[in-house]
Amino acid sequence: MENRDIPQGNTPDDIARRRHIIARFFHEWKEQNPDHCRFNNSSNENIYVRFVSITETCTHASRTYRSTLAVMRLDQVLTNAKKVAIVPAKNNGNQKGFEKMIVMKYNLPEIGAIKITVGVKRRTHEKDLYCVTAIEAM
């Protein structure tokens, strides 16, 4: 996917098109990565991409062009992000299965700061990607 093919506007149509691009990207990524995970150098553990990863990231990353670009660099972000905080999981819908959430950041030179949220599963302590977004410049 070329960057020029990703809509840069903020109209409902642009957001819907970015959401479709992200969903298609995850589908292709999962086909190319049958283990559905990437090893994170900072934590020395695998971070898994699950259904919740796709739904949350499609919803949040599709809102901005930069976040959509960040998703396209998923391997690099998952491999190199570093933990900056641990927060309790919210006791709602998609976070119910997690005991805590790890906030990680990575700087992509051409995009800027990227935040990934990783959920730690209650029983297995497995790390699942929850969401990928670009952090807006202040």
Protein backbone atom coordinates (compact mmCIF):
# COMPACT_ATOMS: atom_id res chain seq x y z
CA MET A 1 0.00 0.00 0.00
CA GLU A 2 1.40 3.33 -1.06
CA ASN A 3 1.02 6.27 1.34
CA ARG A 4 -0.58 8.26 -1.47
CA ASP A 5 -3.45 5.73 -1.55
CA ILE A 6 -4.41 6.51 2.05
CA PRO A 7 -6.92 9.37 2.35
CA GLN A 8 -5.56 12.28 4.39
CA GLY A 9 -8.82 14.13 5.10
CA ASN A 10 -11.17 13.87 8.05
CA THR A 11 -14.49 13.36 6.30
CA PRO A 12 -16.60 10.33 7.26
CA ASP A 13 -15.74 8.82 3.87
CA ASP A 14 -11.98 9.28 4.47
CA ILE A 15 -12.25 7.63 7.90
CA ALA A 16 -14.28 4.74 6.48
CA ARG A 17 -11.73 4.22 3.70
CA ARG A 18 -8.84 4.24 6.22
CA ARG A 19 -10.73 1.75 8.40
CA HIS A 20 -11.07 -0.57 5.38
CA ILE A 21 -7.34 -0.16 4.57
CA ILE A 22 -6.39 -1.04 8.15
CA ALA A 23 -8.68 -4.10 8.21
CA ARG A 24 -7.24 -5.31 4.90
CA PHE A 25 -3.70 -4.71 6.19
CA PHE A 26 -4.34 -6.83 9.31
CA HIS A 27 -5.87 -9.61 7.20
CA GLU A 28 -2.75 -9.73 5.00
CA TRP A 29 -0.43 -9.39 8.03
CA LYS A 30 -2.05 -12.39 9.73
CA GLU A 31 -1.68 -14.48 6.57
CA GLN A 32 2.04 -13.61 6.44
CA ASN A 33 2.50 -14.19 10.20
CA PRO A 34 0.81 -17.50 11.05
CA ASP A 35 1.90 -17.24 14.70
CA HIS A 36 0.02 -13.90 14.87
CA CYS A 37 2.74 -12.36 17.00
CA ARG A 38 5.92 -10.33 16.96
CA PHE A 39 8.76 -10.47 19.49
CA ASN A 40 9.24 -7.23 21.42
CA ASN A 41 12.91 -6.49 22.14
CA SER A 42 12.22 -4.35 25.21
CA SER A 43 10.02 -6.83 27.09
CA ASN A 44 11.65 -9.97 25.65
CA GLU A 45 8.18 -11.40 25.02
CA ASN A 46 5.84 -11.94 22.11
CA ILE A 47 3.01 -9.50 21.53
CA TYR A 48 0.05 -11.24 19.89
CA VAL A 49 -2.34 -9.73 17.38
CA ARG A 50 -5.90 -10.89 18.15
CA PHE A 51 -9.40 -9.97 17.07
CA VAL A 52 -9.56 -7.24 19.73
CA SER A 53 -6.33 -5.78 18.29
CA ILE A 54 -7.96 -5.41 14.90
CA THR A 55 -11.29 -4.01 16.08
CA GLU A 56 -9.78 -1.44 18.45
CA THR A 57 -7.06 -0.36 16.04
CA CYS A 58 -9.50 -0.08 13.12
CA THR A 59 -11.73 2.15 15.25
CA HIS A 60 -9.03 4.41 16.69
CA ALA A 61 -6.28 4.47 14.06
CA SER A 62 -8.67 5.16 11.20
CA ARG A 63 -9.46 8.57 12.71
CA THR A 64 -6.16 10.07 11.56
CA TYR A 65 -3.85 9.69 8.58
CA ARG A 66 -0.73 9.44 10.79
CA SER A 67 -2.23 6.64 12.91
CA THR A 68 -3.08 4.72 9.74
CA LEU A 69 0.53 5.12 8.57
CA ALA A 70 1.70 3.81 11.96
CA VAL A 71 -0.36 0.65 11.53
CA MET A 72 1.34 0.04 8.19
CA ARG A 73 4.63 -0.19 10.13
CA LEU A 74 3.23 -2.72 12.63
CA ASP A 75 6.25 -5.06 12.64
CA GLN A 76 8.67 -2.24 13.40
CA VAL A 77 6.41 -0.76 16.10
CA LEU A 78 5.71 -4.10 17.83
CA THR A 79 9.39 -5.06 17.78
CA ASN A 80 10.82 -1.79 19.06
CA ALA A 81 8.23 -0.14 21.33
CA LYS A 82 9.29 0.46 24.94
CA LYS A 83 7.12 0.34 28.04
CA VAL A 84 6.32 3.75 29.54
CA ALA A 85 3.44 2.93 31.91
CA ILE A 86 1.22 0.23 33.34
CA VAL A 87 -2.41 1.11 34.00
CA PRO A 88 -5.35 -0.93 35.29
CA ALA A 89 -7.62 -2.36 32.64
CA LYS A 90 -11.07 -0.81 32.43
CA ASN A 91 -13.84 -3.14 33.50
CA ASN A 92 -15.74 -2.71 30.25
CA GLY A 93 -16.29 -4.53 26.97
CA ASN A 94 -13.00 -5.16 25.24
CA GLN A 95 -10.71 -4.73 28.27
CA LYS A 96 -12.58 -7.15 30.59
CA GLY A 97 -10.27 -10.07 29.80
CA PHE A 98 -7.14 -8.14 30.78
CA GLU A 99 -5.72 -7.62 34.25
CA LYS A 100 -3.68 -4.59 33.22
CA MET A 101 -2.71 -2.54 30.20
CA ILE A 102 0.87 -1.72 29.22
CA VAL A 103 1.39 1.57 27.41
CA MET A 104 4.37 1.47 25.07
CA LYS A 105 5.85 4.10 22.76
CA TYR A 106 8.05 4.14 19.71
CA ASN A 107 9.25 7.01 17.53
CA LEU A 108 8.97 6.56 13.77
CA PRO A 109 11.13 9.23 12.10
CA GLU A 110 8.71 10.00 9.27
CA ILE A 111 5.54 9.76 11.39
CA GLY A 112 6.46 10.75 14.95
CA ALA A 113 5.60 9.22 18.29
CA ILE A 114 3.49 6.06 18.22
CA LYS A 115 1.62 4.63 21.19
CA ILE A 116 0.63 1.01 21.45
CA THR A 117 -1.51 -0.35 24.22
CA VAL A 118 -0.93 -3.99 25.16
CA GLY A 119 -3.31 -5.97 27.34
CA VAL A 120 -2.03 -8.59 29.79
CA LYS A 121 -4.48 -11.51 29.90
CA ARG A 122 -5.78 -12.44 33.34
CA ARG A 123 -5.10 -16.18 33.39
CA THR A 124 -2.20 -16.67 31.01
CA HIS A 125 -0.44 -13.27 31.32
CA GLU A 126 -0.06 -13.39 27.55
CA LYS A 127 0.50 -9.98 25.95
CA ASP A 128 -2.07 -8.97 23.32
CA LEU A 129 -1.91 -5.86 21.22
CA TYR A 130 -4.91 -3.71 22.07
CA CYS A 131 -4.46 -0.60 19.92
CA VAL A 132 -1.98 1.36 17.77
CA THR A 133 -2.23 5.14 17.40
CA ALA A 134 -0.01 8.07 16.50
CA ILE A 135 0.39 10.59 19.28
CA GLU A 136 -0.63 14.03 18.12
CA ALA A 137 2.04 16.70 18.39
CA MET A 138 1.38 19.24 21.11
